[in-house]
């Protein structure tokens, strides 16, 4: 396995993987271009024999940008993260089904580990299962909150299909996880 920075020639393969895992048109080419040669958007891919088996997208942001990037229920964490200016928001982690349980997601999370003093991840809750939960907990993330129907309005506005719900609206929940370095814990 090899982890490298996201490049333009990865985009088509990443879109295909995203369509399978998250749903048709959830991730766009336009969005992925933000992650190429950026100092605030970070994208990494995991490959085996030049085939992409996983990717991670993360943004290095401050507290105000984090709050504005939440699609709903963003007031609750004001006391948890107020004043922090070095936050890594993990936007997406995807691993091909045939490559799961091989440590790919762990490697991707570890790759972005040094980007910030605090990390935040929204994990997709499919029915009663949160596929990313165990990986996050193993990487010292702490569960914070479940947000009901997190992608509902976004799926209707952007017209993407959820791989669980189908056509909009997406009624899936998001689980929020934080990881703070010891020096940032109040």
Protein backbone atom coordinates (compact mmCIF):
# COMPACT_ATOMS: atom_id res chain seq x y z
CA UNK A 1 0.00 0.00 0.00
CA UNK A 2 1.17 3.47 -0.80
CA UNK A 3 -0.30 6.81 0.29
CA UNK A 4 0.26 9.84 -1.92
CA UNK A 5 -1.18 13.32 -2.37
CA UNK A 6 -4.31 13.54 -4.47
CA UNK A 7 -3.51 14.42 -8.09
CA UNK A 8 -5.63 15.33 -11.07
CA UNK A 9 -5.25 11.87 -12.61
CA UNK A 10 -6.89 10.35 -9.46
CA UNK A 11 -10.15 12.30 -9.81
CA UNK A 12 -12.09 9.92 -12.06
CA UNK A 13 -11.28 6.87 -9.91
CA UNK A 14 -12.13 8.74 -6.68
CA UNK A 15 -15.50 9.83 -8.09
CA UNK A 16 -16.32 6.21 -8.99
CA UNK A 17 -15.41 5.07 -5.47
CA UNK A 18 -17.43 7.88 -3.88
CA UNK A 19 -20.47 7.09 -6.04
CA UNK A 20 -20.39 3.48 -4.78
CA UNK A 21 -19.91 4.32 -1.12
CA UNK A 22 -21.75 7.60 -0.54
CA UNK A 23 -24.12 7.80 -3.49
CA UNK A 24 -24.29 9.15 -7.02
CA UNK A 25 -23.00 12.74 -7.36
CA UNK A 26 -22.21 13.22 -3.66
CA UNK A 27 -18.62 14.11 -4.57
CA UNK A 28 -17.98 16.26 -7.63
CA UNK A 29 -14.99 16.89 -9.85
CA UNK A 30 -15.18 20.59 -8.97
CA UNK A 31 -14.91 19.75 -5.26
CA UNK A 32 -11.90 17.48 -5.81
CA UNK A 33 -9.96 20.16 -7.70
CA UNK A 34 -9.87 22.16 -4.44
CA UNK A 35 -7.70 19.43 -2.94
CA UNK A 36 -4.94 19.59 -5.54
CA UNK A 37 -1.89 21.70 -4.58
CA UNK A 38 -3.73 23.49 -1.76
CA UNK A 39 -2.42 24.68 1.59
CA UNK A 40 -5.79 24.41 3.37
CA UNK A 41 -7.46 21.44 1.62
CA UNK A 42 -5.69 18.09 1.86
CA UNK A 43 -6.42 14.98 -0.15
CA UNK A 44 -4.57 11.69 0.02
CA UNK A 45 -5.12 8.44 -1.82
CA UNK A 46 -4.13 4.92 -0.87
CA UNK A 47 -3.13 2.74 -3.79
CA UNK A 48 -2.12 -0.83 -4.48
CA UNK A 49 -0.53 -1.43 -7.87
CA UNK A 50 -1.60 2.08 -8.95
CA UNK A 51 -5.28 1.31 -8.20
CA UNK A 52 -6.99 3.58 -5.68
CA UNK A 53 -8.41 1.59 -2.78
CA UNK A 54 -9.16 4.53 -0.48
CA UNK A 55 -8.96 8.28 -0.02
CA UNK A 56 -9.30 10.99 2.60
CA UNK A 57 -10.29 14.63 2.18
CA UNK A 58 -9.60 17.10 5.00
CA UNK A 59 -9.64 20.87 5.47
CA UNK A 60 -7.37 22.83 7.79
CA UNK A 61 -9.65 25.53 9.18
CA UNK A 62 -10.34 27.73 12.19
CA UNK A 63 -13.25 27.61 14.61
CA UNK A 64 -15.50 30.03 12.64
CA UNK A 65 -15.02 28.10 9.40
CA UNK A 66 -15.71 24.83 11.18
CA UNK A 67 -18.93 26.19 12.61
CA UNK A 68 -20.07 27.49 9.22
CA UNK A 69 -19.19 24.22 7.48
CA UNK A 70 -21.60 22.17 9.64
CA UNK A 71 -24.83 21.71 7.71
CA UNK A 72 -27.00 21.84 10.85
CA UNK A 73 -26.84 21.83 14.66
CA UNK A 74 -23.60 23.80 14.86
CA UNK A 75 -24.25 25.76 18.07
CA UNK A 76 -23.69 22.87 20.49
CA UNK A 77 -19.93 22.68 20.16
CA UNK A 78 -19.16 26.36 20.85
CA UNK A 79 -17.81 25.59 24.29
CA UNK A 80 -15.89 22.54 23.06
CA UNK A 81 -13.78 24.26 20.42
CA UNK A 82 -14.13 28.02 20.80
CA UNK A 83 -10.88 29.87 20.31
CA UNK A 84 -9.09 27.09 18.45
CA UNK A 85 -7.62 28.19 15.14
CA UNK A 86 -5.91 25.01 14.04
CA UNK A 87 -8.63 22.45 13.30
CA UNK A 88 -8.58 19.66 10.74
CA UNK A 89 -12.07 18.79 9.50
CA UNK A 90 -12.11 15.34 7.94
CA UNK A 91 -14.65 15.70 5.15
CA UNK A 92 -14.58 12.18 3.75
CA UNK A 93 -12.85 8.87 4.21
CA UNK A 94 -13.66 6.10 1.76
CA UNK A 95 -12.22 2.62 1.37
CA UNK A 96 -13.21 0.19 -1.39
CA UNK A 97 -15.30 -2.66 -0.03
CA UNK A 98 -12.79 -5.34 -1.02
CA UNK A 99 -9.99 -3.47 0.82
CA UNK A 100 -11.74 -2.92 4.14
CA UNK A 101 -10.38 -4.32 7.41
CA UNK A 102 -6.82 -4.08 6.08
CA UNK A 103 -5.81 -0.89 7.89
CA UNK A 104 -6.38 1.50 4.97
CA UNK A 105 -8.61 3.93 6.90
CA UNK A 106 -6.16 3.91 9.83
CA UNK A 107 -3.27 4.80 7.52
CA UNK A 108 -5.27 7.62 5.93
CA UNK A 109 -6.23 9.08 9.31
CA UNK A 110 -2.64 8.83 10.51
CA UNK A 111 -1.49 10.66 7.38
CA UNK A 112 -3.47 13.76 8.36
CA UNK A 113 -2.66 13.39 12.07
CA UNK A 114 -0.06 16.16 12.17
CA UNK A 115 -2.09 18.73 10.25
CA UNK A 116 -3.75 20.33 13.27
CA UNK A 117 -4.06 20.44 17.05
CA UNK A 118 -7.71 19.34 16.87
CA UNK A 119 -9.45 17.00 14.44
CA UNK A 120 -13.17 16.77 13.76
CA UNK A 121 -14.90 14.05 11.76
CA UNK A 122 -18.50 13.59 10.73
CA UNK A 123 -19.12 9.86 10.43
CA UNK A 124 -22.05 8.65 8.36
CA UNK A 125 -24.51 6.53 10.34
CA UNK A 126 -26.18 3.96 8.07
CA UNK A 127 -29.19 2.53 9.86
CA UNK A 128 -27.84 1.30 13.22
CA UNK A 129 -24.25 1.07 11.98
CA UNK A 130 -21.50 3.70 11.81
CA UNK A 131 -18.85 2.09 9.57
CA UNK A 132 -16.07 4.52 10.54
CA UNK A 133 -16.74 4.42 14.29
CA UNK A 134 -14.21 1.75 15.31
CA UNK A 135 -11.46 3.31 13.19
CA UNK A 136 -12.05 6.70 14.81
CA UNK A 137 -12.11 5.27 18.32
CA UNK A 138 -8.86 3.34 17.66
CA UNK A 139 -7.31 6.66 16.59
CA UNK A 140 -8.31 8.37 19.87
CA UNK A 141 -11.32 10.27 18.56
CA UNK A 142 -14.11 10.80 21.08
CA UNK A 143 -17.80 10.60 20.20
CA UNK A 144 -19.58 13.93 20.74
CA UNK A 145 -23.08 13.86 19.30
CA UNK A 146 -25.47 12.36 16.75
CA UNK A 147 -27.13 14.81 14.34
CA UNK A 148 -30.43 13.61 12.87
CA UNK A 149 -31.08 13.91 9.11
CA UNK A 150 -27.77 15.69 8.70
CA UNK A 151 -27.63 15.61 4.89
CA UNK A 152 -31.36 16.10 4.22
CA UNK A 153 -31.36 19.72 3.00
CA UNK A 154 -27.95 19.41 1.35
CA UNK A 155 -29.04 16.33 -0.65
CA UNK A 156 -32.16 18.13 -1.85
CA UNK A 157 -30.28 21.29 -2.79
CA UNK A 158 -27.34 19.53 -4.52
CA UNK A 159 -29.52 16.68 -5.86
CA UNK A 160 -27.26 13.78 -4.98
CA UNK A 161 -28.44 10.26 -4.24
CA UNK A 162 -27.57 8.60 -0.95
CA UNK A 163 -26.35 5.01 -1.25
CA UNK A 164 -28.66 4.10 1.66
CA UNK A 165 -31.72 6.34 1.11
CA UNK A 166 -31.64 6.60 -2.68
CA UNK A 167 -33.01 9.78 -4.22
CA UNK A 168 -33.19 12.92 -2.06
CA UNK A 169 -33.84 13.56 0.67
CA UNK A 170 -31.09 11.71 2.52
CA UNK A 171 -32.37 10.92 6.01
CA UNK A 172 -29.10 9.51 7.36
CA UNK A 173 -27.62 10.68 10.63
CA UNK A 174 -24.10 11.94 11.27
CA UNK A 175 -22.02 11.12 14.32
CA UNK A 176 -19.55 13.83 15.33
CA UNK A 177 -16.13 12.87 16.71
CA UNK A 178 -13.34 15.12 18.02
CA UNK A 179 -9.70 14.41 18.70
CA UNK A 180 -7.79 17.05 20.63
CA UNK A 181 -4.12 17.03 21.54
CA UNK A 182 -3.56 17.06 25.30
CA UNK A 183 -2.42 20.68 25.30
CA UNK A 184 -5.75 21.82 23.77
CA UNK A 185 -8.03 20.15 26.30
CA UNK A 186 -9.48 22.62 28.77
